Amino acid sequence: MGKQTPVNKVVIVGAGPSGLLLGILLAKQGVKVQILEAAGELDKNPRAAHYAPSAVYELHRAGVLDDVKAQGIHPDAVCWRHPDGTFIAGIRSRFDIEFPMVCLPLDQLDVLLLRHFLAQPDTEVLWNHKVVSIEQDDNEARVHVESPVGKRTFGADYIVGCDGANSQIRRSLFGDLNYPGETLQKQIIATNVYYDFHKFGYWDSNFIIDENDWYMAARITQDGLWRVTYGDVWGLSNEEYLARQPERYEKILPGHPKPGDYKLVSASPYKLHQRCAESFRVGRFLLAADAAHLCNPFGGLGLTGGIADVGSLFDALVALKDGKADDSILDKYSEVRRKKWAEIIDPMSRANFRRVCLDEAESERQEFWELCKKMEEDEELARQMAQGTNILREDFREYLTASAAITEPRYDIATAYIEDVQIQTSLLQISHTLPPPIGIAHNFPVVLEGMTLAAFAVLLVGGKQKREQGWGVLTILVALAAFVQAIGMALMAYLYENDERFFSGWYLDKSWTMCTISWSFEALCAVAITLAAVTLPSEGGYELIPDHG
């Protein structure tokens, strides 16, 4: 049986995408968050860049998606080719889904996330703080670190290891060599390069199939930077791999380019691992993302799975914080995320890699090509497949305590509002969850708009005198509705940014746009009515019939 524990402060080890994203989500719920990073700056090495729909959903929940979209790109298609560039099969993004894939290099995402994290109250990042040991008791977890000012100790209700494949938190919990799984006997080199693949007919994402000369080429930025990840022989040093890069490019890339034909930005050799920690929770210590599990990068399931961990851990910690669950929900987090890795991430990432570089996967390839062709003809099938990574998410409502599970979480009310184009009706549905002044500010415009419609009807049928004299009343009603609605949204935005009690799941993107359009239109109507009354000539027609009573 679990117990209730506070979640007032969380220390996150690792200032990578998973640590920063988790920090943003928790800080917006009023949790004090410290991030400890062993390095002196954000990681600039070429890493993952593509965020599948399940990951995009979590970026949306954190309120950073608009910035990611503004800086990134939406890949238009993915295809598979023979080494000579001959097209085999492909899938085009020709339909709308709620959270389509977004592409932005991780080093750019990290900068964006860091800015959003530090904009939250009670947050800080401490650079050059390397964890060397850990301890915990019934009251808190602690990490001992080496820092520029000497040895320091940091305590928190919970400490989360988001410190990557070589996680010191995981090593301290299970031992330096205890990371169950295997290292694949394949070598990859991840490079970022400016080279015009489009002139050879390549799509935004391309997988070249060959046992020896396989590679992946994908556009990752708006200005034409491409990620090229290719294979090389096993067993060389990093220096030898980097020295072989020009030779490998000339052999495998379309056009057989010489070094002067492209601009190489970065190159990093990587080993491929399929590993998963034996638990993602030990007391007050938790693991997420690469610190918890690894897979090869083909299909982007490592990054996507890591961000799914963040979403699940956030849900679990907030449920614990709000008294909707006891700490056993953190055991459930570990159980669920390990199962997702074992049943989805590990087998799918292995299959993705086999299709690219192993001859014995030919029958498997043919089945996949047939599926691609079906998706080209069946839009609904293609839409379902595009959202396939949503199975990595988990609904933690079923793990809440019985008393908490009776009431539908306020998040879903907010989500219903965001997706509902009937702005005022939706505001009425959620207003009881808001502080009273905000609820009033959003209910009152509905009343005013009803009064405006009634006044308009009276003016239309009430004769010339009412039409000529009633425009002032109508203008005041419309203008007041616009003003109150604008004030209500402004107050909501302020609480969203500054009040830790503001409910989970609320986002200002689509709702803010719709409400702005609504009150702007009302304000324009008020101006138009006033201008019409002042500038247009007096209404002609009949005179009022004298009352001879």
Protein backbone atom coordinates (compact mmCIF):
# COMPACT_ATOMS: atom_id res chain seq x y z
CA MET A 1 0.00 0.00 0.00
CA GLY A 2 1.41 3.40 -0.98
CA LYS A 3 1.54 6.53 1.09
CA GLN A 4 0.88 10.21 0.49
CA THR A 5 4.06 12.24 0.05
CA PRO A 6 4.49 15.92 -0.83
CA VAL A 7 5.79 17.05 -4.21
CA ASN A 8 6.91 20.58 -3.44
CA LYS A 9 10.42 20.40 -4.85
CA VAL A 10 11.96 18.21 -7.55
CA VAL A 11 15.61 18.07 -8.57
CA ILE A 12 16.23 16.99 -12.16
CA VAL A 13 19.69 15.77 -13.11
CA GLY A 14 20.43 16.59 -16.74
CA ALA A 15 19.62 19.70 -18.80
CA GLY A 16 18.72 17.83 -21.97
CA PRO A 17 15.34 17.89 -23.72
CA SER A 18 13.67 15.44 -21.32
CA GLY A 19 14.91 17.21 -18.18
CA LEU A 20 14.00 20.66 -19.43
CA LEU A 21 10.57 19.57 -20.67
CA LEU A 22 9.75 17.86 -17.38
CA GLY A 23 10.95 20.96 -15.55
CA ILE A 24 8.61 23.21 -17.52
CA LEU A 25 5.60 20.97 -16.93
CA LEU A 26 6.25 20.67 -13.19
CA ALA A 27 7.05 24.36 -12.70
CA LYS A 28 3.73 25.31 -14.27
CA GLN A 29 2.05 23.27 -11.54
CA GLY A 30 3.78 25.21 -8.77
CA VAL A 31 6.59 22.74 -8.11
CA LYS A 32 10.02 24.21 -7.31
CA VAL A 33 12.48 22.72 -9.82
CA GLN A 34 16.27 22.70 -9.83
CA ILE A 35 18.16 21.22 -12.78
CA LEU A 36 21.75 20.08 -12.24
CA GLU A 37 23.91 19.73 -15.36
CA ALA A 38 27.41 18.27 -15.33
CA ALA A 39 28.46 20.15 -18.47
CA GLY A 40 29.01 23.87 -18.72
CA GLU A 41 26.50 24.40 -21.53
CA LEU A 42 23.80 22.70 -23.56
CA ASP A 43 24.79 19.74 -25.75
CA LYS A 44 25.52 20.86 -29.33
CA ASN A 45 26.23 17.43 -30.87
CA PRO A 46 24.03 16.23 -33.78
CA ARG A 47 21.27 14.13 -32.31
CA ALA A 48 17.62 13.43 -32.99
CA ALA A 49 15.47 16.06 -34.69
CA HIS A 50 12.06 14.54 -35.50
CA TYR A 51 9.14 14.62 -33.05
CA ALA A 52 6.31 12.17 -33.71
CA PRO A 53 2.69 13.05 -32.83
CA SER A 54 2.91 11.62 -29.30
CA ALA A 55 5.95 13.81 -28.60
CA VAL A 56 4.34 16.85 -30.22
CA TYR A 57 1.40 16.39 -27.85
CA GLU A 58 3.73 16.75 -24.85
CA LEU A 59 5.34 19.86 -26.36
CA HIS A 60 1.81 21.23 -26.69
CA ARG A 61 1.06 20.44 -23.05
CA ALA A 62 4.19 22.33 -22.02
CA GLY A 63 3.07 25.39 -24.00
CA VAL A 64 6.15 25.43 -26.26
CA LEU A 65 4.70 23.98 -29.47
CA ASP A 66 4.07 27.30 -31.19
CA ASP A 67 7.74 28.26 -30.80
CA VAL A 68 8.84 24.83 -32.02
CA LYS A 69 6.66 25.17 -35.11
CA ALA A 70 7.95 28.67 -35.78
CA GLN A 71 11.58 27.50 -35.75
CA GLY A 72 11.13 24.02 -37.18
CA ILE A 73 9.65 22.35 -40.25
CA HIS A 74 6.89 19.85 -41.01
CA PRO A 75 8.49 17.09 -43.15
CA ASP A 76 6.31 16.53 -46.20
CA ALA A 77 7.12 12.87 -46.82
CA VAL A 78 9.31 9.85 -46.08
CA CYS A 79 10.53 7.29 -48.60
CA TRP A 80 12.85 4.34 -49.13
CA ARG A 81 15.33 4.09 -52.04
CA HIS A 82 17.93 1.82 -53.59
CA PRO A 83 21.59 2.96 -53.38
CA ASP A 84 21.35 4.52 -56.86
CA GLY A 85 18.42 6.68 -55.65
CA THR A 86 15.71 4.62 -57.33
CA PHE A 87 12.42 5.06 -55.51
CA ILE A 88 11.00 1.97 -53.76
CA ALA A 89 8.07 3.20 -51.63
CA GLY A 90 7.02 6.26 -49.69
CA ILE A 91 4.40 7.97 -47.58
CA ARG A 92 3.38 11.60 -48.17
CA SER A 93 1.88 13.86 -45.49
CA ARG A 94 -1.21 14.84 -47.45
CA PHE A 95 -3.76 14.97 -44.64
CA ASP A 96 -4.41 16.87 -41.42
CA ILE A 97 -3.98 15.32 -37.99
CA GLU A 98 -4.17 17.03 -34.61
CA PHE A 99 -0.45 16.91 -33.81
CA PRO A 100 1.57 16.35 -37.00
CA MET A 101 5.27 15.55 -36.90
CA VAL A 102 7.60 18.50 -36.34
CA CYS A 103 11.31 18.61 -37.03
CA LEU A 104 13.79 20.79 -35.11
CA PRO A 105 17.38 19.82 -34.19
CA LEU A 106 17.72 18.99 -30.52
CA ASP A 107 20.36 21.63 -29.89
CA GLN A 108 17.86 24.27 -31.04
CA LEU A 109 15.02 22.68 -29.07
CA ASP A 110 17.18 22.69 -25.95
CA VAL A 111 17.77 26.45 -26.24
CA LEU A 112 14.04 27.02 -26.65
CA LEU A 113 13.13 24.78 -23.71
CA LEU A 114 15.75 26.39 -21.48
CA ARG A 115 14.26 29.83 -22.16
CA HIS A 116 10.75 28.60 -21.30
CA PHE A 117 11.97 26.80 -18.19
CA LEU A 118 13.78 29.82 -16.75
CA ALA A 119 10.72 31.98 -17.42
CA GLN A 120 8.81 29.97 -14.79
CA PRO A 121 8.94 30.90 -11.09
CA ASP A 122 11.14 28.93 -8.66
CA THR A 123 13.37 27.44 -11.37
CA GLU A 124 17.13 27.38 -11.85
CA VAL A 125 19.78 25.52 -13.81
CA LEU A 126 23.16 24.93 -12.19
CA TRP A 127 25.92 24.25 -14.72
CA ASN A 128 29.12 22.29 -14.02
CA HIS A 129 27.35 20.43 -11.22
CA LYS A 130 28.31 16.78 -11.55
CA VAL A 131 26.55 14.19 -9.39
CA VAL A 132 29.02 11.87 -7.66
CA SER A 133 26.81 10.04 -5.15
CA ILE A 134 23.22 9.79 -3.94
CA GLU A 135 21.27 8.96 -0.78
CA GLN A 136 17.69 9.03 0.48
CA ASP A 137 15.57 8.56 3.58
CA ASP A 138 11.88 8.70 4.45
CA ASN A 139 11.77 12.47 4.07
CA GLU A 140 13.81 13.32 0.96
CA ALA A 141 16.29 12.27 -1.69
CA ARG A 142 19.74 13.87 -1.90
CA VAL A 143 22.52 14.12 -4.46
CA HIS A 144 26.11 15.04 -3.68
CA VAL A 145 27.77 16.98 -6.47
CA GLU A 146 31.08 18.45 -7.49
CA SER A 147 30.64 22.10 -8.45
CA PRO A 148 32.81 25.13 -9.26
CA VAL A 149 32.54 26.14 -5.59
CA GLY A 150 33.33 22.71 -4.21
CA LYS A 151 31.21 19.80 -3.00
CA ARG A 152 27.52 20.55 -2.51
CA THR A 153 24.41 18.60 -1.54
CA PHE A 154 20.93 19.11 -2.97
CA GLY A 155 17.78 17.60 -1.51
CA ALA A 156 14.23 17.32 -2.83
CA ASP A 157 11.01 15.37 -2.41
CA TYR A 158 11.98 13.48 -5.59
CA ILE A 159 15.04 13.43 -7.81
CA VAL A 160 14.73 12.49 -11.49
CA GLY A 161 17.62 11.19 -13.54
CA CYS A 162 17.38 12.63 -17.03
CA ASP A 163 21.13 12.51 -17.45
CA GLY A 164 21.39 10.38 -20.55
CA ALA A 165 22.81 6.99 -21.50
CA ASN A 166 25.70 7.30 -19.03
CA SER A 167 23.36 8.39 -16.23
CA GLN A 168 25.10 8.75 -12.90
CA ILE A 169 21.74 8.38 -11.15
CA ARG A 170 21.15 4.99 -12.79
CA ARG A 171 24.74 3.90 -12.08
CA SER A 172 24.39 4.90 -8.43
CA LEU A 173 21.15 2.95 -8.12
CA PHE A 174 22.10 -0.25 -9.95
CA GLY A 175 25.86 -0.25 -10.46
CA ASP A 176 28.15 1.08 -13.19
CA LEU A 177 27.77 -1.94 -15.50
CA ASN A 178 24.15 -2.82 -14.86
CA TYR A 179 22.17 -1.64 -17.89
CA PRO A 180 20.41 -4.76 -19.24
CA GLY A 181 20.35 -5.22 -23.01
CA GLU A 182 22.90 -5.30 -25.81
CA THR A 183 25.13 -3.19 -28.02
CA LEU A 184 24.41 -3.85 -31.69
CA GLN A 185 27.47 -4.67 -33.78
CA LYS A 186 26.80 -1.79 -36.13
CA GLN A 187 28.48 1.61 -36.27
CA ILE A 188 26.76 4.84 -37.29
CA ILE A 189 28.07 8.33 -37.90
CA ALA A 190 25.57 11.17 -37.50
CA THR A 191 26.40 14.26 -39.54
CA ASN A 192 24.80 17.63 -40.23
CA VAL A 193 25.50 19.00 -43.69
CA TYR A 194 24.36 21.62 -46.20
CA TYR A 195 23.88 19.71 -49.45
CA ASP A 196 20.99 19.98 -51.90
CA PHE A 197 19.39 16.53 -51.92
CA HIS A 198 16.19 17.92 -53.44
CA LYS A 199 17.91 18.49 -56.79
CA PHE A 200 18.32 14.72 -57.04
CA GLY A 201 14.59 14.20 -56.48
CA TYR A 202 14.94 13.25 -52.82
CA TRP A 203 12.06 13.83 -50.42
CA ASP A 204 12.36 15.48 -47.00
CA SER A 205 13.17 12.11 -45.39
CA ASN A 206 14.93 9.27 -47.25
CA PHE A 207 16.15 5.84 -46.18
CA ILE A 208 18.66 4.23 -48.56
CA ILE A 209 18.55 0.44 -48.38
CA ASP A 210 21.79 -1.55 -48.61
CA GLU A 211 23.71 -4.01 -46.48
CA ASN A 212 26.90 -1.92 -46.56
CA ASP A 213 26.11 1.54 -47.95
CA TRP A 214 22.86 2.27 -46.15
CA TYR A 215 22.12 5.75 -44.85
CA MET A 216 19.38 8.16 -43.90
CA ALA A 217 19.13 11.71 -45.31
CA ALA A 218 16.55 14.11 -43.88
CA ARG A 219 16.07 17.86 -44.09
CA ILE A 220 15.99 19.21 -40.53
CA THR A 221 15.96 23.03 -40.75
CA GLN A 222 14.27 25.79 -42.68
CA ASP A 223 17.57 26.97 -44.21
CA GLY A 224 18.39 23.60 -45.81
CA LEU A 225 20.50 21.77 -43.21
CA TRP A 226 20.31 17.98 -43.66
CA ARG A 227 20.95 15.17 -41.21
CA VAL A 228 22.88 12.34 -42.88
CA THR A 229 23.37 9.25 -40.74
CA TYR A 230 25.32 6.44 -42.38
CA GLY A 231 26.93 3.15 -41.46
CA ASP A 232 30.61 2.26 -41.42
CA VAL A 233 32.80 -0.71 -40.60
CA TRP A 234 32.94 -1.92 -37.01
CA GLY A 235 35.85 -1.49 -34.67
CA LEU A 236 37.60 1.76 -35.60
CA SER A 237 38.40 4.72 -33.35
CA ASN A 238 36.35 7.92 -33.46
CA GLU A 239 39.25 9.70 -35.15
CA GLU A 240 39.38 7.05 -37.88
CA TYR A 241 35.63 7.30 -38.49
CA LEU A 242 35.84 11.07 -38.86
CA ALA A 243 38.80 10.76 -41.23
CA ARG A 244 36.76 8.39 -43.42
CA GLN A 245 33.79 10.76 -43.69
CA PRO A 246 34.74 12.43 -47.04
CA GLU A 247 35.33 9.01 -48.62
CA ARG A 248 31.99 7.67 -47.36
CA TYR A 249 30.08 10.75 -48.56
CA GLU A 250 31.61 10.49 -52.03
CA LYS A 251 30.70 6.82 -52.29
CA ILE A 252 27.14 6.80 -50.98
CA LEU A 253 25.54 10.23 -51.53
CA PRO A 254 23.80 11.21 -54.77
CA GLY A 255 26.12 13.11 -57.10
CA HIS A 256 29.18 11.56 -55.37
CA PRO A 257 30.21 14.92 -53.88
CA LYS A 258 33.73 16.05 -53.07
CA PRO A 259 34.33 18.04 -49.83
CA GLY A 260 34.04 21.32 -51.74
CA ASP A 261 30.51 20.39 -52.89
CA TYR A 262 28.98 20.49 -49.42
CA LYS A 263 29.37 22.28 -46.09
CA LEU A 264 29.85 19.85 -43.23
CA VAL A 265 28.64 21.33 -39.93
CA SER A 266 29.24 18.47 -37.52
CA ALA A 267 29.92 14.74 -37.32
CA SER A 268 29.69 12.32 -34.38
CA PRO A 269 30.21 8.54 -34.31
CA TYR A 270 27.70 6.56 -32.23
CA LYS A 271 27.30 2.99 -31.04
CA LEU A 272 23.80 1.50 -31.15
CA HIS A 273 22.23 0.11 -27.98
CA GLN A 274 18.99 -1.65 -27.07
CA ARG A 275 18.85 -1.40 -23.28
CA CYS A 276 16.37 -0.85 -20.45
CA ALA A 277 16.97 -0.29 -16.72
CA GLU A 278 15.54 -2.91 -14.38
CA SER A 279 13.32 -0.26 -12.76
CA PHE A 280 12.55 3.40 -13.36
CA ARG A 281 11.88 4.00 -9.67
CA VAL A 282 13.87 3.31 -6.53
CA GLY A 283 12.25 5.09 -3.58
CA ARG A 284 12.50 8.82 -4.20
CA PHE A 285 14.72 8.44 -7.27
CA LEU A 286 13.21 8.18 -10.74
CA LEU A 287 14.59 7.65 -14.23
CA ALA A 288 13.35 8.85 -17.61
CA ALA A 289 14.38 8.91 -21.28
CA ASP A 290 17.94 7.76 -22.17
CA ALA A 291 18.82 7.34 -18.51
CA ALA A 292 16.07 4.70 -18.38
CA HIS A 293 16.19 3.04 -21.82
CA LEU A 294 17.98 3.15 -25.17
CA CYS A 295 17.25 2.10 -28.72
CA ASN A 296 18.73 2.71 -32.16
CA PRO A 297 17.67 6.01 -33.79
CA PHE A 298 15.84 4.60 -36.83
CA GLY A 299 12.22 5.63 -36.56
CA GLY A 300 12.94 8.23 -33.87
CA LEU A 301 11.58 6.01 -31.09
CA GLY A 302 14.33 6.88 -28.63
CA LEU A 303 13.48 10.57 -28.49
CA THR A 304 9.74 9.94 -28.88
CA GLY A 305 9.78 7.30 -26.14
CA GLY A 306 11.78 9.57 -23.84
CA ILE A 307 9.31 12.40 -24.22
CA ALA A 308 6.47 9.93 -23.56
CA ASP A 309 8.27 9.03 -20.30
CA VAL A 310 8.25 12.71 -19.38
CA GLY A 311 4.51 12.99 -19.99
CA SER A 312 3.73 9.92 -17.89
CA LEU A 313 6.05 10.95 -15.05
CA PHE A 314 4.54 14.44 -15.02
CA ASP A 315 1.03 12.98 -14.78
CA ALA A 316 2.09 10.68 -11.94
CA LEU A 317 3.88 13.37 -9.92
CA VAL A 318 1.05 15.88 -10.30
CA ALA A 319 -1.52 13.26 -9.27
CA LEU A 320 0.61 12.61 -6.17
CA LYS A 321 1.01 16.34 -5.51
CA ASP A 322 -2.73 16.97 -5.80
CA GLY A 323 -3.64 14.09 -3.49
CA LYS A 324 -5.29 12.10 -6.29
CA ALA A 325 -2.89 9.19 -5.88
CA ASP A 326 -0.41 7.81 -3.37
CA ASP A 327 3.24 7.16 -4.18
CA SER A 328 2.45 3.72 -5.61
CA ILE A 329 1.56 5.58 -8.81
CA LEU A 330 5.31 6.03 -9.30
CA ASP A 331 5.71 2.24 -9.29
CA LYS A 332 2.98 2.18 -11.92
CA TYR A 333 4.94 4.74 -13.92
CA SER A 334 7.95 2.43 -13.90
CA GLU A 335 5.87 -0.61 -14.79
CA VAL A 336 4.04 1.12 -17.65
CA ARG A 337 7.10 2.75 -19.22
CA ARG A 338 9.19 -0.44 -19.07
CA LYS A 339 6.33 -2.34 -20.72
CA LYS A 340 6.10 0.29 -23.47
CA TRP A 341 9.82 -0.16 -24.15
CA ALA A 342 9.69 -3.97 -24.15
CA GLU A 343 6.54 -4.35 -26.27
CA ILE A 344 6.79 -1.36 -28.62
CA ILE A 345 10.02 0.67 -28.65
CA ASP A 346 12.52 -2.20 -28.67
CA PRO A 347 10.89 -4.44 -31.32
CA MET A 348 9.80 -1.56 -33.56
CA SER A 349 13.20 0.16 -33.55
CA ARG A 350 14.93 -3.15 -34.31
CA ALA A 351 12.55 -3.76 -37.22
CA ASN A 352 13.16 -0.24 -38.58
CA PHE A 353 16.91 -0.84 -38.51
CA ARG A 354 16.68 -4.32 -40.08
CA ARG A 355 14.75 -2.96 -43.05
CA VAL A 356 17.56 -0.53 -43.83
CA CYS A 357 20.69 -2.64 -43.61
CA LEU A 358 20.10 -6.39 -43.33
CA ASP A 359 19.63 -8.60 -46.41
CA GLU A 360 17.81 -11.26 -44.40
CA ALA A 361 15.01 -8.74 -43.80
CA GLU A 362 13.96 -8.82 -47.48
CA SER A 363 10.60 -10.53 -46.87
CA GLU A 364 9.92 -8.10 -44.03
CA ARG A 365 10.73 -5.21 -46.38
CA GLN A 366 8.33 -6.46 -49.03
CA GLU A 367 5.49 -6.56 -46.50
CA PHE A 368 6.33 -3.03 -45.45
CA TRP A 369 6.45 -1.76 -49.06
CA GLU A 370 2.99 -3.25 -49.63
CA LEU A 371 1.72 -1.44 -46.54
CA CYS A 372 3.17 1.84 -47.88
CA LYS A 373 1.34 1.35 -51.18
CA LYS A 374 -1.92 0.70 -49.33
CA MET A 375 -1.42 3.92 -47.36
CA GLU A 376 -0.96 5.87 -50.60
CA GLU A 377 -4.42 4.66 -51.67
CA ASP A 378 -6.18 4.66 -48.29
CA GLU A 379 -6.03 8.06 -46.59
CA GLU A 380 -7.69 6.85 -43.39
CA LEU A 381 -5.14 4.04 -43.03
CA ALA A 382 -2.34 6.54 -43.62
CA ARG A 383 -3.79 8.88 -40.98
CA GLN A 384 -3.98 6.07 -38.44
CA MET A 385 -0.41 4.98 -39.16
CA ALA A 386 0.85 8.58 -38.89
CA GLN A 387 -0.55 8.72 -35.37
CA GLY A 388 0.72 5.25 -34.45
CA THR A 389 3.20 6.54 -31.87
CA ASN A 390 0.29 7.68 -29.71
CA ILE A 391 0.30 4.15 -28.32
CA LEU A 392 3.40 5.23 -26.39
CA ARG A 393 1.26 7.55 -24.29
CA GLU A 394 -0.57 6.29 -21.22
CA ASP A 395 -3.75 7.55 -19.55
CA PHE A 396 -2.92 7.65 -15.85
CA ARG A 397 -6.47 8.46 -14.75
CA GLU A 398 -7.21 4.78 -14.20
CA TYR A 399 -4.41 4.65 -11.62
CA LEU A 400 -5.81 7.44 -9.45
CA THR A 401 -7.29 6.70 -6.04
CA ALA A 402 -10.99 5.84 -6.03
CA SER A 403 -12.04 9.18 -4.55
CA ALA A 404 -10.05 11.12 -7.14
CA ALA A 405 -11.15 8.98 -10.07
CA ILE A 406 -14.83 9.77 -9.50
CA THR A 407 -14.43 13.29 -10.80
CA GLU A 408 -13.34 13.82 -14.38
CA PRO A 409 -9.96 15.61 -14.36
CA ARG A 410 -10.16 19.31 -15.10
CA TYR A 411 -7.60 18.81 -17.87
CA ASP A 412 -10.21 17.14 -20.06
CA ILE A 413 -12.64 20.01 -19.53
CA ALA A 414 -9.95 22.39 -20.70
CA THR A 415 -9.12 20.18 -23.67
CA ALA A 416 -12.78 20.07 -24.61
CA TYR A 417 -12.83 23.85 -24.50
CA ILE A 418 -9.76 24.20 -26.69
CA GLU A 419 -11.22 21.89 -29.33
CA ASP A 420 -14.65 23.53 -29.27
CA VAL A 421 -15.19 26.35 -31.75
CA GLN A 422 -18.23 27.54 -29.82
CA ILE A 423 -16.20 29.88 -27.66
CA GLN A 424 -18.75 31.22 -25.22
CA THR A 425 -20.52 27.89 -24.71
CA SER A 426 -17.21 26.24 -23.87
CA LEU A 427 -16.31 29.00 -21.43
CA LEU A 428 -19.58 28.39 -19.62
CA GLN A 429 -18.71 24.67 -19.38
CA ILE A 430 -15.36 25.32 -17.67
CA SER A 431 -16.07 28.52 -15.77
CA HIS A 432 -16.87 26.66 -12.56
CA THR A 433 -13.26 25.44 -12.43
CA LEU A 434 -11.84 28.99 -12.61
CA PRO A 435 -11.43 31.58 -9.86
CA PRO A 436 -14.74 33.49 -9.43
CA PRO A 437 -13.62 36.77 -11.10
CA ILE A 438 -12.51 34.85 -14.19
CA GLY A 439 -15.67 32.78 -14.32
CA ILE A 440 -17.76 35.96 -14.08
CA ALA A 441 -15.62 37.68 -16.72
CA HIS A 442 -16.37 34.89 -19.17
CA ASN A 443 -20.03 34.33 -18.28
CA PHE A 444 -20.97 38.01 -18.35
CA PRO A 445 -20.20 38.49 -22.11
CA VAL A 446 -22.69 35.72 -22.87
CA VAL A 447 -25.37 37.65 -20.97
CA LEU A 448 -24.40 40.90 -22.72
CA GLU A 449 -24.49 39.24 -26.12
CA GLY A 450 -27.97 37.90 -25.36
CA MET A 451 -29.06 41.41 -24.40
CA THR A 452 -27.47 42.74 -27.62
CA LEU A 453 -29.47 40.30 -29.76
CA ALA A 454 -32.67 41.25 -27.92
CA ALA A 455 -31.93 44.97 -28.37
CA PHE A 456 -31.19 44.45 -32.06
CA ALA A 457 -34.53 42.66 -32.55
CA VAL A 458 -36.40 45.45 -30.75
CA LEU A 459 -34.72 48.10 -32.94
CA LEU A 460 -35.54 46.25 -36.16
CA VAL A 461 -39.25 45.88 -35.45
CA GLY A 462 -39.76 48.91 -33.21
CA GLY A 463 -40.11 51.61 -35.87
CA LYS A 464 -38.08 54.55 -37.07
CA GLN A 465 -37.85 56.31 -33.72
CA LYS A 466 -36.39 53.29 -31.91
CA ARG A 467 -33.99 52.66 -34.77
CA GLU A 468 -32.70 56.24 -34.73
CA GLN A 469 -32.52 56.56 -30.96
CA GLY A 470 -31.51 53.03 -29.93
CA TRP A 471 -28.14 52.79 -31.70
CA GLY A 472 -26.40 54.19 -28.61
CA VAL A 473 -27.75 51.42 -26.37
CA LEU A 474 -26.78 48.80 -28.95
CA THR A 475 -23.24 50.20 -29.27
CA ILE A 476 -22.74 50.23 -25.51
CA LEU A 477 -23.87 46.61 -25.18
CA VAL A 478 -21.61 45.36 -27.98
CA ALA A 479 -18.61 47.38 -26.80
CA LEU A 480 -19.10 46.25 -23.20
CA ALA A 481 -19.27 42.59 -24.26
CA ALA A 482 -16.00 42.99 -26.18
CA PHE A 483 -14.32 44.78 -23.28
CA VAL A 484 -15.34 42.24 -20.62
CA GLN A 485 -14.34 39.33 -22.86
CA ALA A 486 -10.91 40.87 -23.51
CA ILE A 487 -10.40 41.53 -19.79
CA GLY A 488 -11.39 37.94 -18.99
CA MET A 489 -8.81 36.50 -21.38
CA ALA A 490 -6.15 38.89 -20.11
CA LEU A 491 -6.77 37.79 -16.52
CA MET A 492 -6.70 34.16 -17.59
CA ALA A 493 -3.36 34.68 -19.34
CA TYR A 494 -1.96 36.34 -16.22
CA LEU A 495 -3.07 33.46 -13.98
CA TYR A 496 -1.74 30.92 -16.47
CA GLU A 497 1.72 32.47 -16.20
CA ASN A 498 1.76 33.40 -12.50
CA ASP A 499 -0.68 31.35 -10.39
CA GLU A 500 0.49 27.85 -9.45
CA ARG A 501 -3.11 26.85 -8.68
CA PHE A 502 -4.20 27.37 -12.26
CA PHE A 503 -5.38 24.02 -13.49
CA SER A 504 -3.34 21.50 -15.47
CA GLY A 505 -3.87 21.15 -19.19
CA TRP A 506 -4.85 24.71 -20.09
CA TYR A 507 -3.21 26.26 -23.15
CA LEU A 508 -3.62 29.73 -24.57
CA ASP A 509 -2.76 29.03 -28.20
CA LYS A 510 -5.99 28.17 -30.05
CA SER A 511 -8.32 29.43 -27.30
CA TRP A 512 -6.52 32.78 -27.17
CA THR A 513 -6.79 33.18 -30.94
CA MET A 514 -10.49 32.37 -31.04
CA CYS A 515 -11.37 34.66 -28.16
CA THR A 516 -9.29 37.50 -29.64
CA ILE A 517 -11.18 37.13 -32.92
CA SER A 518 -14.47 37.15 -31.00
CA TRP A 519 -13.95 40.33 -28.99
CA SER A 520 -12.22 42.08 -31.92
CA PHE A 521 -15.23 41.39 -34.11
CA GLU A 522 -17.55 42.76 -31.43
CA ALA A 523 -15.42 45.89 -31.08
CA LEU A 524 -15.53 46.41 -34.85
CA CYS A 525 -19.32 46.00 -34.79
CA ALA A 526 -19.58 48.71 -32.13
CA VAL A 527 -17.43 51.05 -34.23
CA ALA A 528 -19.46 50.26 -37.38
CA ILE A 529 -22.77 50.96 -35.65
CA THR A 530 -21.48 54.28 -34.34
CA LEU A 531 -20.11 55.34 -37.74
CA ALA A 532 -23.36 54.35 -39.44
CA ALA A 533 -25.45 56.38 -36.99
CA VAL A 534 -23.22 59.45 -37.29
CA THR A 535 -22.45 59.49 -41.02
CA LEU A 536 -25.47 57.97 -42.76
CA PRO A 537 -28.48 60.22 -43.62
CA SER A 538 -31.62 60.10 -41.50
CA GLU A 539 -33.98 57.23 -42.28
CA GLY A 540 -36.77 58.19 -44.72
CA GLY A 541 -40.27 56.81 -44.76
CA TYR A 542 -43.35 57.23 -42.66
CA GLU A 543 -43.93 59.65 -39.78
CA LEU A 544 -45.20 58.41 -36.47
CA ILE A 545 -49.01 58.29 -36.29
CA PRO A 546 -50.17 60.95 -33.85
CA ASP A 547 -51.73 59.69 -30.69
CA HIS A 548 -55.23 61.22 -30.46
CA GLY A 549 -55.92 59.11 -27.37
